[in-house]
Amino acid sequence: MLSEIKNRGTLDCLIVVCDGLKGLPEAINTVWPQTTVQTCVVHLLRNSFTHASKKDWSAIAKDLKPVYTAASESGALDAFADFSEKWEKKYPAIVKLWTNAWAEFVPFPRFDQEIRKIICTTNAIESINSRIRRAVNARGHFPNEQAALKCVYLALMSLDPTGTGQRRWSNRWIAALNAFEIAFDGRLSRRT
């Protein structure tokens, strides 16, 4: 699938945010060797809570926040060491989860704050996919491809009927695009 995306014209990817699907980071790096593979921080947090008692969730969230908000990779590692020291005896599975995901998590603290706001989660994409899936399933079948595309288009337009969200998102991306340009040394604006 990634090769097909590349063959359709996506020559480079700066960052791909994944939600823990095994083998995906390796596949991405095979197709686009320069791509930074980042794990979805929100999914990592959610998965952490599945290994803990509900009464400890707020304390765990509070203790994990310094890890994913650290200003640098070394700061994140120090915060994770503090977290591990406090919680490893009670919840070793959470520490193991973060340790196993660390290679895909550590790009996150290296980025500028503006980039972090954009790449921390795959939830926006999942939300759009869910809306499209709901619209297509409600319809059932389509007489032709054009009818299916129209249904998808209408589902996407219903997400922001007034257009205010588009302006809000495009304003949010201005600072992030500048940060991407600096962090990825001109790869964003390179034309081939």
C-alpha atoms as a PDB file:
ATOM      1  CA  MET A   1       0.000   0.000   0.000  1.00  0.00           C
ATOM      2  CA  LEU A   2       2.831   2.432   0.856  1.00  0.00           C
ATOM      3  CA  SER A   3       4.569   1.643  -2.439  1.00  0.00           C
ATOM      4  CA  GLU A   4       1.339   2.437  -4.257  1.00  0.00           C
ATOM      5  CA  ILE A   5       1.137   5.802  -2.470  1.00  0.00           C
ATOM      6  CA  LYS A   6       4.730   6.494  -3.491  1.00  0.00           C
ATOM      7  CA  ASN A   7       3.996   5.461  -7.088  1.00  0.00           C
ATOM      8  CA  ARG A   8       1.069   7.903  -7.158  1.00  0.00           C
ATOM      9  CA  GLY A   9       3.499  10.765  -6.523  1.00  0.00           C
ATOM     10  CA  THR A  10       4.244  11.025  -2.811  1.00  0.00           C
ATOM     11  CA  LEU A  11       8.016  11.141  -3.164  1.00  0.00           C
ATOM     12  CA  ASP A  12       8.815  12.024   0.449  1.00  0.00           C
ATOM     13  CA  CYS A  13       7.186  11.894   3.866  1.00  0.00           C
ATOM     14  CA  LEU A  14       8.549  13.964   6.725  1.00  0.00           C
ATOM     15  CA  ILE A  15       6.708  12.327   9.627  1.00  0.00           C
ATOM     16  CA  VAL A  16       4.300   9.429   9.859  1.00  0.00           C
ATOM     17  CA  VAL A  17       2.350   9.072  13.097  1.00  0.00           C
ATOM     18  CA  CYS A  18       1.434   5.438  13.797  1.00  0.00           C
ATOM     19  CA  ASP A  19      -0.746   3.903  16.454  1.00  0.00           C
ATOM     20  CA  GLY A  20       1.299   0.813  17.264  1.00  0.00           C
ATOM     21  CA  LEU A  21       0.581  -1.436  14.274  1.00  0.00           C
ATOM     22  CA  LYS A  22       3.397  -3.991  14.191  1.00  0.00           C
ATOM     23  CA  GLY A  23       5.673  -3.820  11.156  1.00  0.00           C
ATOM     24  CA  LEU A  24       4.386  -0.447   9.973  1.00  0.00           C
ATOM     25  CA  PRO A  25       7.473   1.575  11.018  1.00  0.00           C
ATOM     26  CA  GLU A  26       9.741  -0.834   9.117  1.00  0.00           C
ATOM     27  CA  ALA A  27       7.496  -0.697   6.034  1.00  0.00           C
ATOM     28  CA  ILE A  28       7.471   3.098   6.114  1.00  0.00           C
ATOM     29  CA  ASN A  29      11.259   3.291   6.399  1.00  0.00           C
ATOM     30  CA  THR A  30      11.617   0.863   3.497  1.00  0.00           C
ATOM     31  CA  VAL A  31       9.531   3.063   1.191  1.00  0.00           C
ATOM     32  CA  TRP A  32      10.703   6.449   2.509  1.00  0.00           C
ATOM     33  CA  PRO A  33      14.085   5.988   4.262  1.00  0.00           C
ATOM     34  CA  GLN A  34      14.298   9.578   5.562  1.00  0.00           C
ATOM     35  CA  THR A  35      10.866   9.515   7.211  1.00  0.00           C
ATOM     36  CA  THR A  36      10.587  10.009  10.954  1.00  0.00           C
ATOM     37  CA  VAL A  37       8.196   7.442  12.389  1.00  0.00           C
ATOM     38  CA  GLN A  38       6.405   8.725  15.484  1.00  0.00           C
ATOM     39  CA  THR A  39       4.088   6.752  17.713  1.00  0.00           C
ATOM     40  CA  CYS A  40       0.767   8.354  18.571  1.00  0.00           C
ATOM     41  CA  VAL A  41       1.229   9.776  22.065  1.00  0.00           C
ATOM     42  CA  VAL A  42      -2.494   9.652  22.817  1.00  0.00           C
ATOM     43  CA  HIS A  43      -2.669   5.960  21.877  1.00  0.00           C
ATOM     44  CA  LEU A  44       0.375   5.271  24.034  1.00  0.00           C
ATOM     45  CA  LEU A  45      -1.342   6.954  26.985  1.00  0.00           C
ATOM     46  CA  ARG A  46      -4.605   5.086  26.392  1.00  0.00           C
ATOM     47  CA  ASN A  47      -2.761   1.789  26.198  1.00  0.00           C
ATOM     48  CA  SER A  48      -1.041   2.637  29.476  1.00  0.00           C
ATOM     49  CA  PHE A  49      -4.389   2.994  31.209  1.00  0.00           C
ATOM     50  CA  THR A  50      -5.488  -0.474  30.088  1.00  0.00           C
ATOM     51  CA  HIS A  51      -2.766  -1.910  32.346  1.00  0.00           C
ATOM     52  CA  ALA A  52      -3.772   0.076  35.425  1.00  0.00           C
ATOM     53  CA  SER A  53      -6.575   0.229  37.925  1.00  0.00           C
ATOM     54  CA  LYS A  54      -9.023   3.044  37.235  1.00  0.00           C
ATOM     55  CA  LYS A  55      -8.357   4.579  40.651  1.00  0.00           C
ATOM     56  CA  ASP A  56      -4.708   5.194  39.602  1.00  0.00           C
ATOM     57  CA  TRP A  57      -5.438   6.709  36.174  1.00  0.00           C
ATOM     58  CA  SER A  58      -5.243  10.345  37.225  1.00  0.00           C
ATOM     59  CA  ALA A  59      -1.983   9.799  39.142  1.00  0.00           C
ATOM     60  CA  ILE A  60      -0.462   7.893  36.226  1.00  0.00           C
ATOM     61  CA  ALA A  61      -1.559  10.606  33.774  1.00  0.00           C
ATOM     62  CA  LYS A  62      -0.042  13.260  36.021  1.00  0.00           C
ATOM     63  CA  ASP A  63       3.243  11.331  36.285  1.00  0.00           C
ATOM     64  CA  LEU A  64       3.418  10.616  32.530  1.00  0.00           C
ATOM     65  CA  LYS A  65       2.780  14.235  31.516  1.00  0.00           C
ATOM     66  CA  PRO A  66       6.395  15.314  32.197  1.00  0.00           C
ATOM     67  CA  VAL A  67       7.535  12.500  29.877  1.00  0.00           C
ATOM     68  CA  TYR A  68       5.633  13.633  26.780  1.00  0.00           C
ATOM     69  CA  THR A  69       5.898  17.362  27.515  1.00  0.00           C
ATOM     70  CA  ALA A  70       9.657  17.318  28.155  1.00  0.00           C
ATOM     71  CA  ALA A  71      11.666  19.912  26.251  1.00  0.00           C
ATOM     72  CA  SER A  72      14.253  17.377  25.107  1.00  0.00           C
ATOM     73  CA  GLU A  73      14.865  13.676  24.709  1.00  0.00           C
ATOM     74  CA  SER A  74      17.112  13.618  27.785  1.00  0.00           C
ATOM     75  CA  GLY A  75      14.417  15.423  29.794  1.00  0.00           C
ATOM     76  CA  ALA A  76      11.855  12.851  28.652  1.00  0.00           C
ATOM     77  CA  LEU A  77      14.227  10.040  29.640  1.00  0.00           C
ATOM     78  CA  ASP A  78      14.753  11.564  33.094  1.00  0.00           C
ATOM     79  CA  ALA A  79      10.996  12.000  33.577  1.00  0.00           C
ATOM     80  CA  PHE A  80      10.421   8.412  32.440  1.00  0.00           C
ATOM     81  CA  ALA A  81      13.042   7.193  34.917  1.00  0.00           C
ATOM     82  CA  ASP A  82      11.133   9.000  37.676  1.00  0.00           C
ATOM     83  CA  PHE A  83       7.873   7.465  36.448  1.00  0.00           C
ATOM     84  CA  SER A  84       9.433   3.989  36.305  1.00  0.00           C
ATOM     85  CA  GLU A  85      10.841   4.309  39.784  1.00  0.00           C
ATOM     86  CA  LYS A  86       7.409   5.182  41.176  1.00  0.00           C
ATOM     87  CA  TRP A  87       5.180   2.789  39.190  1.00  0.00           C
ATOM     88  CA  GLU A  88       7.260  -0.180  38.011  1.00  0.00           C
ATOM     89  CA  LYS A  89       6.532  -2.376  41.036  1.00  0.00           C
ATOM     90  CA  LYS A  90       2.768  -1.839  40.802  1.00  0.00           C
ATOM     91  CA  TYR A  91       2.394  -1.668  37.002  1.00  0.00           C
ATOM     92  CA  PRO A  92       5.421  -3.196  35.236  1.00  0.00           C
ATOM     93  CA  ALA A  93       3.386  -3.622  32.032  1.00  0.00           C
ATOM     94  CA  ILE A  94       3.088   0.162  31.638  1.00  0.00           C
ATOM     95  CA  VAL A  95       6.841   0.626  31.994  1.00  0.00           C
ATOM     96  CA  LYS A  96       7.413  -2.199  29.490  1.00  0.00           C
ATOM     97  CA  LEU A  97       4.907  -0.634  27.076  1.00  0.00           C
ATOM     98  CA  TRP A  98       6.729   2.705  27.117  1.00  0.00           C
ATOM     99  CA  THR A  99      10.150   1.037  26.963  1.00  0.00           C
ATOM    100  CA  ASN A 100       9.136  -0.979  23.882  1.00  0.00           C
ATOM    101  CA  ALA A 101       7.642   2.097  22.204  1.00  0.00           C
ATOM    102  CA  TRP A 102      10.517   4.404  23.154  1.00  0.00           C
ATOM    103  CA  ALA A 103      12.259   4.244  19.757  1.00  0.00           C
ATOM    104  CA  GLU A 104       9.095   5.546  18.052  1.00  0.00           C
ATOM    105  CA  PHE A 105       8.317   7.979  20.885  1.00  0.00           C
ATOM    106  CA  VAL A 106      11.678   9.790  21.132  1.00  0.00           C
ATOM    107  CA  PRO A 107      11.341  11.807  17.921  1.00  0.00           C
ATOM    108  CA  PHE A 108       8.482  13.674  19.614  1.00  0.00           C
ATOM    109  CA  PRO A 109      10.554  15.540  22.260  1.00  0.00           C
ATOM    110  CA  ARG A 110      13.053  16.584  19.569  1.00  0.00           C
ATOM    111  CA  PHE A 111      10.469  18.659  17.728  1.00  0.00           C
ATOM    112  CA  ASP A 112       9.446  22.265  18.213  1.00  0.00           C
ATOM    113  CA  GLN A 113       6.269  22.869  20.216  1.00  0.00           C
ATOM    114  CA  GLU A 114       4.373  23.895  17.056  1.00  0.00           C
ATOM    115  CA  ILE A 115       5.129  20.554  15.402  1.00  0.00           C
ATOM    116  CA  ARG A 116       4.167  18.656  18.556  1.00  0.00           C
ATOM    117  CA  LYS A 117       0.675  20.193  18.480  1.00  0.00           C
ATOM    118  CA  ILE A 118       0.146  18.800  14.989  1.00  0.00           C
ATOM    119  CA  ILE A 119       1.662  15.307  15.294  1.00  0.00           C
ATOM    120  CA  CYS A 120       0.786  14.182  18.820  1.00  0.00           C
ATOM    121  CA  THR A 121      -2.148  12.021  17.723  1.00  0.00           C
ATOM    122  CA  THR A 122      -3.870  10.253  14.859  1.00  0.00           C
ATOM    123  CA  ASN A 123      -7.321  11.002  16.351  1.00  0.00           C
ATOM    124  CA  ALA A 124      -8.269  13.616  13.716  1.00  0.00           C
ATOM    125  CA  ILE A 125      -7.656  11.141  10.897  1.00  0.00           C
ATOM    126  CA  GLU A 126      -9.518   8.394  12.747  1.00  0.00           C
ATOM    127  CA  SER A 127     -12.458  10.753  13.296  1.00  0.00           C
ATOM    128  CA  ILE A 128     -12.661  11.582   9.587  1.00  0.00           C
ATOM    129  CA  ASN A 129     -12.439   7.905   8.638  1.00  0.00           C
ATOM    130  CA  SER A 130     -15.197   7.099  11.119  1.00  0.00           C
ATOM    131  CA  ARG A 131     -17.497   9.768   9.643  1.00  0.00           C
ATOM    132  CA  ILE A 132     -16.870   8.529   6.099  1.00  0.00           C
ATOM    133  CA  ARG A 133     -17.429   4.907   7.139  1.00  0.00           C
ATOM    134  CA  ARG A 134     -20.703   5.840   8.878  1.00  0.00           C
ATOM    135  CA  ALA A 135     -21.971   7.701   5.781  1.00  0.00           C
ATOM    136  CA  VAL A 136     -21.029   4.876   3.409  1.00  0.00           C
ATOM    137  CA  ASN A 137     -22.533   2.176   5.647  1.00  0.00           C
ATOM    138  CA  ALA A 138     -25.778   4.126   6.014  1.00  0.00           C
ATOM    139  CA  ARG A 139     -26.131   4.244   2.244  1.00  0.00           C
ATOM    140  CA  GLY A 140     -25.414   0.529   1.788  1.00  0.00           C
ATOM    141  CA  HIS A 141     -24.600   0.340  -1.901  1.00  0.00           C
ATOM    142  CA  PHE A 142     -23.843   2.677  -4.778  1.00  0.00           C
ATOM    143  CA  PRO A 143     -24.838   2.425  -8.445  1.00  0.00           C
ATOM    144  CA  ASN A 144     -21.412   3.676  -9.576  1.00  0.00           C
ATOM    145  CA  GLU A 145     -18.113   5.121  -8.378  1.00  0.00           C
ATOM    146  CA  GLN A 146     -19.316   8.710  -8.864  1.00  0.00           C
ATOM    147  CA  ALA A 147     -22.163   8.132  -6.388  1.00  0.00           C
ATOM    148  CA  ALA A 148     -19.718   6.744  -3.806  1.00  0.00           C
ATOM    149  CA  LEU A 149     -17.393   9.727  -4.253  1.00  0.00           C
ATOM    150  CA  LYS A 150     -20.331  12.111  -3.846  1.00  0.00           C
ATOM    151  CA  CYS A 151     -21.279  10.390  -0.570  1.00  0.00           C
ATOM    152  CA  VAL A 152     -17.685  10.716   0.711  1.00  0.00           C
ATOM    153  CA  TYR A 153     -17.560  14.373  -0.377  1.00  0.00           C
ATOM    154  CA  LEU A 154     -20.822  15.179   1.426  1.00  0.00           C
ATOM    155  CA  ALA A 155     -19.593  13.399   4.571  1.00  0.00           C
ATOM    156  CA  LEU A 156     -16.411  15.483   4.534  1.00  0.00           C
ATOM    157  CA  MET A 157     -18.285  18.724   3.918  1.00  0.00           C
ATOM    158  CA  SER A 158     -20.633  17.976   6.826  1.00  0.00           C
ATOM    159  CA  LEU A 159     -17.627  18.026   9.165  1.00  0.00           C
ATOM    160  CA  ASP A 160     -17.297  21.792   8.682  1.00  0.00           C
ATOM    161  CA  PRO A 161     -20.453  23.170   7.038  1.00  0.00           C
ATOM    162  CA  THR A 162     -19.693  26.845   7.726  1.00  0.00           C
ATOM    163  CA  GLY A 163     -16.006  26.755   6.741  1.00  0.00           C
ATOM    164  CA  THR A 164     -14.831  28.277  10.021  1.00  0.00           C
ATOM    165  CA  GLY A 165     -12.926  25.128  10.951  1.00  0.00           C
ATOM    166  CA  GLN A 166     -10.895  25.292   7.746  1.00  0.00           C
ATOM    167  CA  ARG A 167      -9.758  28.826   8.522  1.00  0.00           C
ATOM    168  CA  ARG A 168      -8.966  27.849  12.105  1.00  0.00           C
ATOM    169  CA  TRP A 169      -6.919  24.837  10.964  1.00  0.00           C
ATOM    170  CA  SER A 170      -5.076  26.734   8.253  1.00  0.00           C
ATOM    171  CA  ASN A 171      -4.087  29.415  10.797  1.00  0.00           C
ATOM    172  CA  ARG A 172      -2.927  26.680  13.169  1.00  0.00           C
ATOM    173  CA  TRP A 173      -0.664  25.261  10.460  1.00  0.00           C
ATOM    174  CA  ILE A 174       1.235  28.488   9.629  1.00  0.00           C
ATOM    175  CA  ALA A 175       3.594  28.255  12.619  1.00  0.00           C
ATOM    176  CA  ALA A 176       3.862  24.480  12.220  1.00  0.00           C
ATOM    177  CA  LEU A 177       4.853  24.755   8.540  1.00  0.00           C
ATOM    178  CA  ASN A 178       7.623  27.185   9.459  1.00  0.00           C
ATOM    179  CA  ALA A 179       8.839  24.813  12.160  1.00  0.00           C
ATOM    180  CA  PHE A 180       8.700  21.866   9.715  1.00  0.00           C
ATOM    181  CA  GLU A 181      10.758  23.843   7.189  1.00  0.00           C
ATOM    182  CA  ILE A 182      13.482  24.429   9.792  1.00  0.00           C
ATOM    183  CA  ALA A 183      13.396  20.968  11.365  1.00  0.00           C
ATOM    184  CA  PHE A 184      13.530  19.153   8.036  1.00  0.00           C
ATOM    185  CA  ASP A 185      16.075  21.421   6.357  1.00  0.00           C
ATOM    186  CA  GLY A 186      14.081  22.461   3.311  1.00  0.00           C
ATOM    187  CA  ARG A 187      12.571  19.039   2.456  1.00  0.00           C
ATOM    188  CA  LEU A 188       9.094  20.527   2.780  1.00  0.00           C
ATOM    189  CA  SER A 189       9.545  23.113   0.042  1.00  0.00           C
ATOM    190  CA  ARG A 190      11.808  21.023  -2.190  1.00  0.00           C
ATOM    191  CA  ARG A 191      10.245  20.469  -5.609  1.00  0.00           C
ATOM    192  CA  THR A 192      11.225  17.463  -7.708  1.00  0.00           C
END
